[in-house]
């Protein structure tokens, strides 16, 4: 019987990084991923939306009730705010349109507001004026759709 045992020792070299080195590396990788993703988003946005410098306002007159009705459907419940931005007085809006109450849908009120603007604003009845009013009231997509080429 043998009283001792033969044990082979294997020595492995194990390297440990300090936590701060791991955190730095992870932070750098995260920053790189975020930067790359932001670049991808920016590129895709540029492809989808025309840049402001490239937008051109329509130069023709706003004609036809069909165009006004299409715009009114987009304006809908913001008809009062857009009307004020177009220079129609609050009292006029309330007495002529607001007095209709809930019996008339908002898109119809918006149409009546645009008709009122059309009848009053001979010189300022332009896509530029309309685009400005729409954008002032957060209707940027509506302005883009109807007022720019």
N, C-alpha and C. Protein backbone atom coordinates (compact mmCIF):
# COMPACT_ATOMS: atom_id res chain seq x y z
N UNK A 1 0.82 -1.15 0.00
CA UNK A 1 0.00 0.00 0.00
C UNK A 1 0.87 1.23 0.00
N UNK A 2 0.45 2.14 -0.74
CA UNK A 2 1.21 3.37 -0.85
C UNK A 2 0.59 4.41 0.05
N UNK A 3 1.38 5.09 0.76
CA UNK A 3 0.86 6.06 1.71
C UNK A 3 0.70 7.44 1.11
N UNK A 4 1.37 7.75 0.09
CA UNK A 4 1.29 9.10 -0.53
C UNK A 4 0.61 9.01 -1.87
N UNK A 5 0.15 10.11 -2.36
CA UNK A 5 -0.48 10.12 -3.69
C UNK A 5 0.29 11.08 -4.57
N UNK A 6 0.27 10.74 -5.78
CA UNK A 6 0.97 11.57 -6.76
C UNK A 6 -0.03 12.52 -7.39
N UNK A 7 0.17 13.79 -7.21
CA UNK A 7 -0.73 14.79 -7.76
C UNK A 7 0.06 15.68 -8.69
N UNK A 8 -0.42 15.76 -9.89
CA UNK A 8 0.22 16.65 -10.85
C UNK A 8 -0.43 18.03 -10.70
N UNK A 9 0.38 19.00 -10.60
CA UNK A 9 -0.14 20.36 -10.49
C UNK A 9 -0.14 21.00 -11.86
N UNK A 10 -1.21 21.57 -12.17
CA UNK A 10 -1.30 22.33 -13.41
C UNK A 10 -1.49 23.78 -13.02
N UNK A 11 -0.66 24.55 -13.59
CA UNK A 11 -0.77 25.97 -13.31
C UNK A 11 -1.36 26.65 -14.54
N UNK A 12 -2.47 27.35 -14.31
CA UNK A 12 -3.11 28.12 -15.37
C UNK A 12 -2.92 29.58 -15.06
N UNK A 13 -2.66 30.26 -16.09
CA UNK A 13 -2.52 31.71 -15.92
C UNK A 13 -3.90 32.33 -16.16
N UNK A 14 -4.46 32.89 -15.13
CA UNK A 14 -5.77 33.51 -15.20
C UNK A 14 -5.58 35.00 -15.00
N UNK A 15 -6.12 35.72 -15.96
CA UNK A 15 -6.00 37.18 -15.85
C UNK A 15 -7.36 37.73 -15.47
N UNK A 16 -7.35 38.58 -14.52
CA UNK A 16 -8.57 39.27 -14.11
C UNK A 16 -8.42 40.73 -14.45
N UNK A 17 -9.47 41.26 -15.06
CA UNK A 17 -9.49 42.69 -15.32
C UNK A 17 -10.13 43.37 -14.13
N UNK A 18 -9.64 44.50 -13.84
CA UNK A 18 -10.26 45.24 -12.74
C UNK A 18 -11.63 45.69 -13.19
N UNK A 19 -12.56 45.86 -12.27
CA UNK A 19 -13.92 46.28 -12.64
C UNK A 19 -13.94 47.58 -13.44
N UNK A 20 -13.04 48.45 -13.14
CA UNK A 20 -13.04 49.73 -13.86
C UNK A 20 -12.67 49.54 -15.32
N UNK A 21 -11.79 48.61 -15.65
CA UNK A 21 -11.44 48.34 -17.04
C UNK A 21 -12.62 47.74 -17.79
N UNK A 22 -13.34 46.81 -17.15
CA UNK A 22 -14.53 46.21 -17.75
C UNK A 22 -15.58 47.28 -18.02
N UNK A 23 -15.80 48.13 -17.05
CA UNK A 23 -16.81 49.19 -17.20
C UNK A 23 -16.44 50.14 -18.32
N UNK A 24 -15.15 50.48 -18.42
CA UNK A 24 -14.70 51.38 -19.49
C UNK A 24 -14.94 50.75 -20.85
N UNK A 25 -14.60 49.48 -20.97
CA UNK A 25 -14.78 48.78 -22.25
C UNK A 25 -16.25 48.69 -22.61
N UNK A 26 -17.09 48.35 -21.64
CA UNK A 26 -18.53 48.25 -21.88
C UNK A 26 -19.11 49.61 -22.25
N UNK A 27 -18.68 50.63 -21.56
CA UNK A 27 -19.16 51.99 -21.84
C UNK A 27 -18.79 52.41 -23.25
N UNK A 28 -17.56 52.12 -23.65
CA UNK A 28 -17.10 52.46 -24.99
C UNK A 28 -17.92 51.71 -26.04
N UNK A 29 -18.17 50.43 -25.80
CA UNK A 29 -18.98 49.64 -26.74
C UNK A 29 -20.40 50.17 -26.82
N UNK A 30 -20.98 50.51 -25.67
CA UNK A 30 -22.33 51.07 -25.66
C UNK A 30 -22.38 52.39 -26.41
N UNK A 31 -21.40 53.23 -26.20
CA UNK A 31 -21.36 54.53 -26.88
C UNK A 31 -21.24 54.34 -28.38
N UNK A 32 -20.42 53.38 -28.81
CA UNK A 32 -20.27 53.10 -30.23
C UNK A 32 -21.58 52.62 -30.83
N UNK A 33 -22.28 51.72 -30.12
CA UNK A 33 -23.57 51.21 -30.61
C UNK A 33 -24.60 52.33 -30.71
N UNK A 34 -24.65 53.18 -29.70
CA UNK A 34 -25.60 54.30 -29.71
C UNK A 34 -25.28 55.25 -30.85
N UNK A 35 -24.01 55.58 -31.04
CA UNK A 35 -23.61 56.49 -32.12
C UNK A 35 -23.98 55.91 -33.48
N UNK A 36 -23.71 54.61 -33.68
CA UNK A 36 -24.03 53.97 -34.95
C UNK A 36 -25.54 53.97 -35.19
N UNK A 37 -26.32 53.69 -34.15
CA UNK A 37 -27.78 53.68 -34.28
C UNK A 37 -28.31 55.07 -34.61
N UNK A 38 -27.76 56.09 -33.95
CA UNK A 38 -28.18 57.47 -34.24
C UNK A 38 -27.88 57.84 -35.68
N UNK A 39 -26.72 57.40 -36.18
CA UNK A 39 -26.37 57.67 -37.58
C UNK A 39 -27.35 56.98 -38.53
N UNK A 40 -27.73 55.74 -38.21
CA UNK A 40 -28.70 55.01 -39.03
C UNK A 40 -30.05 55.72 -39.06
N UNK A 41 -30.49 56.16 -37.89
CA UNK A 41 -31.77 56.85 -37.79
C UNK A 41 -31.73 58.15 -38.58
N UNK A 42 -30.64 58.88 -38.45
CA UNK A 42 -30.50 60.15 -39.16
C UNK A 42 -30.53 59.93 -40.67
N UNK A 43 -29.82 58.90 -41.14
CA UNK A 43 -29.81 58.61 -42.58
C UNK A 43 -31.21 58.24 -43.07
N UNK A 44 -31.91 57.39 -42.31
CA UNK A 44 -33.25 56.97 -42.75
C UNK A 44 -34.21 58.14 -42.71
N UNK A 45 -34.07 59.03 -41.74
CA UNK A 45 -34.94 60.21 -41.67
C UNK A 45 -34.69 61.13 -42.85
N UNK A 46 -33.44 61.29 -43.24
CA UNK A 46 -33.12 62.12 -44.39
C UNK A 46 -33.72 61.56 -45.67
N UNK A 47 -33.76 60.23 -45.76
CA UNK A 47 -34.33 59.61 -46.95
C UNK A 47 -35.85 59.76 -46.98
N UNK A 48 -36.49 59.71 -45.80
CA UNK A 48 -37.94 59.75 -45.74
C UNK A 48 -38.51 61.17 -45.82
N UNK A 49 -37.87 62.10 -45.16
CA UNK A 49 -38.40 63.46 -45.10
C UNK A 49 -37.50 64.43 -45.85
N UNK A 50 -38.08 65.27 -46.66
CA UNK A 50 -37.25 66.27 -47.34
C UNK A 50 -36.74 67.27 -46.31
N UNK A 51 -35.54 67.74 -46.52
CA UNK A 51 -34.97 68.72 -45.60
C UNK A 51 -35.65 70.06 -45.79
N UNK A 52 -35.65 70.87 -44.73
CA UNK A 52 -36.33 72.15 -44.77
C UNK A 52 -35.78 73.03 -45.89
N UNK A 53 -34.48 72.96 -46.14
CA UNK A 53 -33.89 73.79 -47.19
C UNK A 53 -34.47 73.45 -48.56
N UNK A 54 -34.92 72.20 -48.72
CA UNK A 54 -35.41 71.75 -50.02
C UNK A 54 -36.91 71.98 -50.19
N UNK A 55 -37.60 72.38 -49.12
CA UNK A 55 -39.04 72.58 -49.23
C UNK A 55 -39.32 73.87 -50.00
N UNK A 56 -40.28 73.80 -50.86
CA UNK A 56 -40.69 74.97 -51.63
C UNK A 56 -42.18 75.15 -51.44
N UNK A 57 -42.56 76.36 -51.05
CA UNK A 57 -43.97 76.66 -50.85
C UNK A 57 -44.66 76.73 -52.20
N UNK A 58 -45.90 76.28 -52.26
CA UNK A 58 -46.66 76.37 -53.50
C UNK A 58 -46.91 77.85 -53.81
N UNK A 59 -46.74 78.21 -55.06
CA UNK A 59 -46.91 79.61 -55.44
C UNK A 59 -48.29 79.91 -56.01
N UNK A 60 -49.04 78.89 -56.33
CA UNK A 60 -50.36 79.12 -56.91
C UNK A 60 -51.36 79.49 -55.83
N UNK A 61 -52.49 80.00 -56.25
CA UNK A 61 -53.55 80.33 -55.30
C UNK A 61 -54.23 79.06 -54.81
N UNK A 62 -54.77 79.16 -53.62
CA UNK A 62 -55.54 78.03 -53.08
C UNK A 62 -56.91 78.10 -53.75
N UNK A 63 -57.21 77.10 -54.53
CA UNK A 63 -58.48 77.13 -55.26
C UNK A 63 -59.32 75.92 -54.92
N UNK A 64 -60.59 76.13 -54.96
CA UNK A 64 -61.53 75.03 -54.82
C UNK A 64 -61.87 74.64 -53.40
N UNK A 65 -63.14 74.35 -53.22
CA UNK A 65 -63.63 73.92 -51.93
C UNK A 65 -63.12 72.52 -51.57
N UNK A 66 -62.80 71.72 -52.57
CA UNK A 66 -62.28 70.37 -52.32
C UNK A 66 -60.97 70.45 -51.55
N UNK A 67 -60.08 71.35 -51.96
CA UNK A 67 -58.80 71.51 -51.26
C UNK A 67 -59.05 71.98 -49.83
N UNK A 68 -59.94 72.95 -49.68
CA UNK A 68 -60.25 73.45 -48.34
C UNK A 68 -60.86 72.36 -47.46
N UNK A 69 -61.70 71.53 -48.02
CA UNK A 69 -62.31 70.45 -47.24
C UNK A 69 -61.26 69.42 -46.82
N UNK A 70 -60.33 69.11 -47.72
CA UNK A 70 -59.26 68.18 -47.38
C UNK A 70 -58.39 68.73 -46.25
N UNK A 71 -58.08 70.01 -46.32
CA UNK A 71 -57.31 70.66 -45.26
C UNK A 71 -58.12 70.66 -43.96
N UNK A 72 -59.40 70.98 -44.06
CA UNK A 72 -60.28 71.03 -42.88
C UNK A 72 -60.33 69.69 -42.15
N UNK A 73 -60.33 68.61 -42.90
CA UNK A 73 -60.36 67.28 -42.28
C UNK A 73 -59.11 67.04 -41.44
N UNK A 74 -57.99 67.59 -41.87
CA UNK A 74 -56.73 67.44 -41.12
C UNK A 74 -56.70 68.39 -39.91
N UNK A 75 -57.26 69.58 -40.07
CA UNK A 75 -57.26 70.59 -39.01
C UNK A 75 -58.22 70.17 -37.90
N UNK A 76 -59.39 69.74 -38.27
CA UNK A 76 -60.45 69.25 -37.40
C UNK A 76 -60.61 70.03 -36.10
N UNK A 77 -60.22 69.44 -34.96
CA UNK A 77 -60.50 70.06 -33.66
C UNK A 77 -59.61 71.26 -33.33
N UNK A 78 -58.66 71.59 -34.18
CA UNK A 78 -57.81 72.77 -33.95
C UNK A 78 -58.27 73.96 -34.79
N UNK A 79 -59.51 73.91 -35.26
CA UNK A 79 -60.01 74.95 -36.15
C UNK A 79 -59.97 76.33 -35.51
N UNK A 80 -60.26 76.41 -34.23
CA UNK A 80 -60.30 77.69 -33.55
C UNK A 80 -58.90 78.32 -33.49
N UNK A 81 -57.90 77.52 -33.09
CA UNK A 81 -56.53 78.01 -32.98
C UNK A 81 -55.96 78.41 -34.34
N UNK A 82 -56.22 77.59 -35.35
CA UNK A 82 -55.73 77.90 -36.70
C UNK A 82 -56.39 79.17 -37.21
N UNK A 83 -57.68 79.33 -36.94
CA UNK A 83 -58.40 80.53 -37.35
C UNK A 83 -57.80 81.79 -36.74
N UNK A 84 -57.45 81.73 -35.47
CA UNK A 84 -56.81 82.88 -34.82
C UNK A 84 -55.45 83.15 -35.46
N UNK A 85 -54.69 82.10 -35.75
CA UNK A 85 -53.39 82.27 -36.41
C UNK A 85 -53.53 82.86 -37.81
N UNK A 86 -54.66 82.61 -38.44
CA UNK A 86 -54.91 83.16 -39.78
C UNK A 86 -55.41 84.61 -39.72
N UNK A 87 -55.62 85.11 -38.52
CA UNK A 87 -56.03 86.50 -38.37
C UNK A 87 -57.52 86.72 -38.22
N UNK A 88 -58.26 85.64 -38.07
CA UNK A 88 -59.69 85.78 -37.83
C UNK A 88 -59.86 85.99 -36.33
N UNK A 89 -60.57 86.99 -35.95
CA UNK A 89 -60.74 87.30 -34.53
C UNK A 89 -61.48 86.22 -33.77
N UNK A 90 -61.16 86.11 -32.49
CA UNK A 90 -61.78 85.12 -31.63
C UNK A 90 -63.29 85.31 -31.57
N UNK A 91 -63.73 86.57 -31.45
CA UNK A 91 -65.18 86.84 -31.37
C UNK A 91 -65.88 86.43 -32.65
N UNK A 92 -65.25 86.69 -33.77
CA UNK A 92 -65.82 86.30 -35.05
C UNK A 92 -65.94 84.79 -35.14
N UNK A 93 -64.89 84.09 -34.75
CA UNK A 93 -64.92 82.63 -34.79
C UNK A 93 -66.03 82.07 -33.90
N UNK A 94 -66.15 82.62 -32.71
CA UNK A 94 -67.15 82.12 -31.77
C UNK A 94 -68.57 82.46 -32.22
N UNK A 95 -68.77 83.66 -32.72
CA UNK A 95 -70.14 84.02 -33.12
C UNK A 95 -70.57 83.35 -34.41
N UNK A 96 -69.66 83.20 -35.36
CA UNK A 96 -70.03 82.62 -36.65
C UNK A 96 -69.95 81.10 -36.69
N UNK A 97 -69.01 80.53 -35.96
CA UNK A 97 -68.79 79.09 -36.07
C UNK A 97 -68.98 78.38 -34.74
N UNK A 98 -68.41 78.92 -33.69
CA UNK A 98 -68.50 78.30 -32.38
C UNK A 98 -69.93 78.19 -31.88
N UNK A 99 -70.77 79.12 -32.33
CA UNK A 99 -72.17 79.10 -31.89
C UNK A 99 -72.94 77.90 -32.42
N UNK A 100 -72.37 77.19 -33.39
CA UNK A 100 -73.03 76.00 -33.94
C UNK A 100 -73.03 74.85 -32.93
N UNK A 101 -72.13 74.93 -31.95
CA UNK A 101 -72.10 73.92 -30.89
C UNK A 101 -71.69 72.55 -31.38
N UNK A 102 -72.19 71.54 -30.69
CA UNK A 102 -71.82 70.16 -31.01
C UNK A 102 -72.64 69.55 -32.13
N UNK A 103 -73.56 70.32 -32.69
CA UNK A 103 -74.40 69.79 -33.76
C UNK A 103 -73.62 69.65 -35.07
N UNK A 104 -72.51 70.38 -35.19
CA UNK A 104 -71.70 70.35 -36.41
C UNK A 104 -70.34 69.74 -36.07
N UNK A 105 -69.88 68.77 -36.86
CA UNK A 105 -68.58 68.15 -36.57
C UNK A 105 -67.42 69.15 -36.74
N UNK A 106 -66.32 68.88 -36.06
CA UNK A 106 -65.17 69.78 -36.07
C UNK A 106 -64.61 70.02 -37.46
N UNK A 107 -64.57 68.99 -38.31
CA UNK A 107 -64.01 69.20 -39.65
C UNK A 107 -64.88 70.17 -40.46
N UNK A 108 -66.17 70.17 -40.21
CA UNK A 108 -67.08 71.12 -40.88
C UNK A 108 -66.83 72.54 -40.35
N UNK A 109 -66.60 72.66 -39.04
CA UNK A 109 -66.26 73.97 -38.46
C UNK A 109 -64.94 74.47 -39.04
N UNK A 110 -63.99 73.56 -39.21
CA UNK A 110 -62.70 73.94 -39.80
C UNK A 110 -62.91 74.44 -41.23
N UNK A 111 -63.78 73.77 -41.97
CA UNK A 111 -64.07 74.19 -43.34
C UNK A 111 -64.70 75.59 -43.35
N UNK A 112 -65.65 75.83 -42.46
CA UNK A 112 -66.29 77.15 -42.37
C UNK A 112 -65.27 78.22 -41.98
N UNK A 113 -64.34 77.88 -41.10
CA UNK A 113 -63.28 78.81 -40.71
C UNK A 113 -62.42 79.15 -41.90
N UNK A 114 -62.05 78.15 -42.70
CA UNK A 114 -61.23 78.40 -43.89
C UNK A 114 -61.99 79.24 -44.92
N UNK A 115 -63.30 79.00 -45.04
CA UNK A 115 -64.13 79.81 -45.93
C UNK A 115 -64.15 81.27 -45.46
N UNK A 116 -64.26 81.46 -44.16
CA UNK A 116 -64.24 82.80 -43.58
C UNK A 116 -62.91 83.50 -43.89
N UNK A 117 -61.82 82.76 -43.73
CA UNK A 117 -60.49 83.30 -44.03
C UNK A 117 -60.40 83.69 -45.50
N UNK A 118 -60.89 82.81 -46.36
CA UNK A 118 -60.85 83.05 -47.81
C UNK A 118 -61.62 84.33 -48.16
N UNK A 119 -62.76 84.54 -47.55
CA UNK A 119 -63.59 85.71 -47.88
C UNK A 119 -62.98 87.01 -47.35
N UNK A 120 -62.18 86.94 -46.30
CA UNK A 120 -61.61 88.15 -45.70
C UNK A 120 -60.22 88.49 -46.21
N UNK A 121 -59.42 87.51 -46.47
CA UNK A 121 -57.99 87.70 -46.71
C UNK A 121 -57.65 87.67 -48.19
N UNK A 122 -58.00 88.70 -48.88
CA UNK A 122 -57.73 88.74 -50.32
C UNK A 122 -56.22 88.72 -50.59
N UNK A 123 -55.47 89.53 -49.85
CA UNK A 123 -54.03 89.61 -50.08
C UNK A 123 -53.24 88.50 -49.39
N UNK A 124 -53.75 88.00 -48.28
CA UNK A 124 -52.98 87.00 -47.53
C UNK A 124 -53.57 85.60 -47.66
N UNK A 125 -54.37 85.38 -48.67
CA UNK A 125 -54.95 84.06 -48.92
C UNK A 125 -53.95 83.26 -49.76
N UNK A 126 -52.86 82.83 -49.09
CA UNK A 126 -51.78 82.13 -49.78
C UNK A 126 -51.39 80.87 -49.01
N UNK A 127 -50.69 80.00 -49.72
CA UNK A 127 -50.19 78.80 -49.06
C UNK A 127 -49.17 79.14 -47.97
N UNK A 128 -48.42 80.22 -48.17
CA UNK A 128 -47.44 80.63 -47.17
C UNK A 128 -48.13 80.98 -45.86
N UNK A 129 -49.19 81.78 -45.94
CA UNK A 129 -49.94 82.17 -44.74
C UNK A 129 -50.55 80.94 -44.08
N UNK A 130 -51.12 80.07 -44.88
CA UNK A 130 -51.74 78.86 -44.35
C UNK A 130 -50.71 77.94 -43.71
N UNK A 131 -49.57 77.76 -44.37
CA UNK A 131 -48.52 76.90 -43.83
C UNK A 131 -48.04 77.42 -42.48
N UNK A 132 -47.86 78.71 -42.38
CA UNK A 132 -47.41 79.31 -41.12
C UNK A 132 -48.43 79.06 -40.01
N UNK A 133 -49.70 79.26 -40.30
CA UNK A 133 -50.76 79.04 -39.31
C UNK A 133 -50.82 77.58 -38.88
N UNK A 134 -50.70 76.68 -39.82
CA UNK A 134 -50.75 75.25 -39.50
C UNK A 134 -49.56 74.85 -38.63
N UNK A 135 -48.37 75.31 -39.01
CA UNK A 135 -47.17 74.96 -38.27
C UNK A 135 -47.17 75.56 -36.86
N UNK A 136 -47.71 76.77 -36.73
CA UNK A 136 -47.81 77.39 -35.40
C UNK A 136 -48.66 76.56 -34.45
N UNK A 137 -49.54 75.77 -34.99
CA UNK A 137 -50.47 74.98 -34.18
C UNK A 137 -50.14 73.49 -34.20
N UNK A 138 -48.90 73.16 -34.56
CA UNK A 138 -48.43 71.78 -34.49
C UNK A 138 -48.93 70.88 -35.60
N UNK A 139 -49.44 71.46 -36.66
CA UNK A 139 -49.95 70.66 -37.78
C UNK A 139 -48.93 70.65 -38.93
N UNK A 140 -47.71 70.29 -38.58
CA UNK A 140 -46.61 70.32 -39.55
C UNK A 140 -46.82 69.37 -40.72
N UNK A 141 -47.33 68.19 -40.44
CA UNK A 141 -47.56 67.22 -41.53
C UNK A 141 -48.65 67.71 -42.47
N UNK A 142 -49.66 68.35 -41.92
CA UNK A 142 -50.73 68.93 -42.73
C UNK A 142 -50.15 70.03 -43.63
N UNK A 143 -49.33 70.89 -43.06
CA UNK A 143 -48.68 71.96 -43.84
C UNK A 143 -47.83 71.36 -44.95
N UNK A 144 -47.06 70.34 -44.60
CA UNK A 144 -46.20 69.68 -45.59
C UNK A 144 -47.03 69.08 -46.72
N UNK A 145 -48.12 68.46 -46.38
CA UNK A 145 -48.97 67.76 -47.35
C UNK A 145 -49.66 68.72 -48.32
N UNK A 146 -50.14 69.85 -47.81
CA UNK A 146 -50.96 70.72 -48.65
C UNK A 146 -50.27 71.99 -49.15
N UNK A 147 -49.24 72.45 -48.46
CA UNK A 147 -48.69 73.77 -48.77
C UNK A 147 -47.34 73.76 -49.46
N UNK A 148 -46.67 72.64 -49.45
CA UNK A 148 -45.32 72.56 -50.05
C UNK A 148 -45.33 71.63 -51.26
N UNK A 149 -44.41 71.90 -52.17
CA UNK A 149 -44.31 71.06 -53.36
C UNK A 149 -43.35 69.93 -53.11
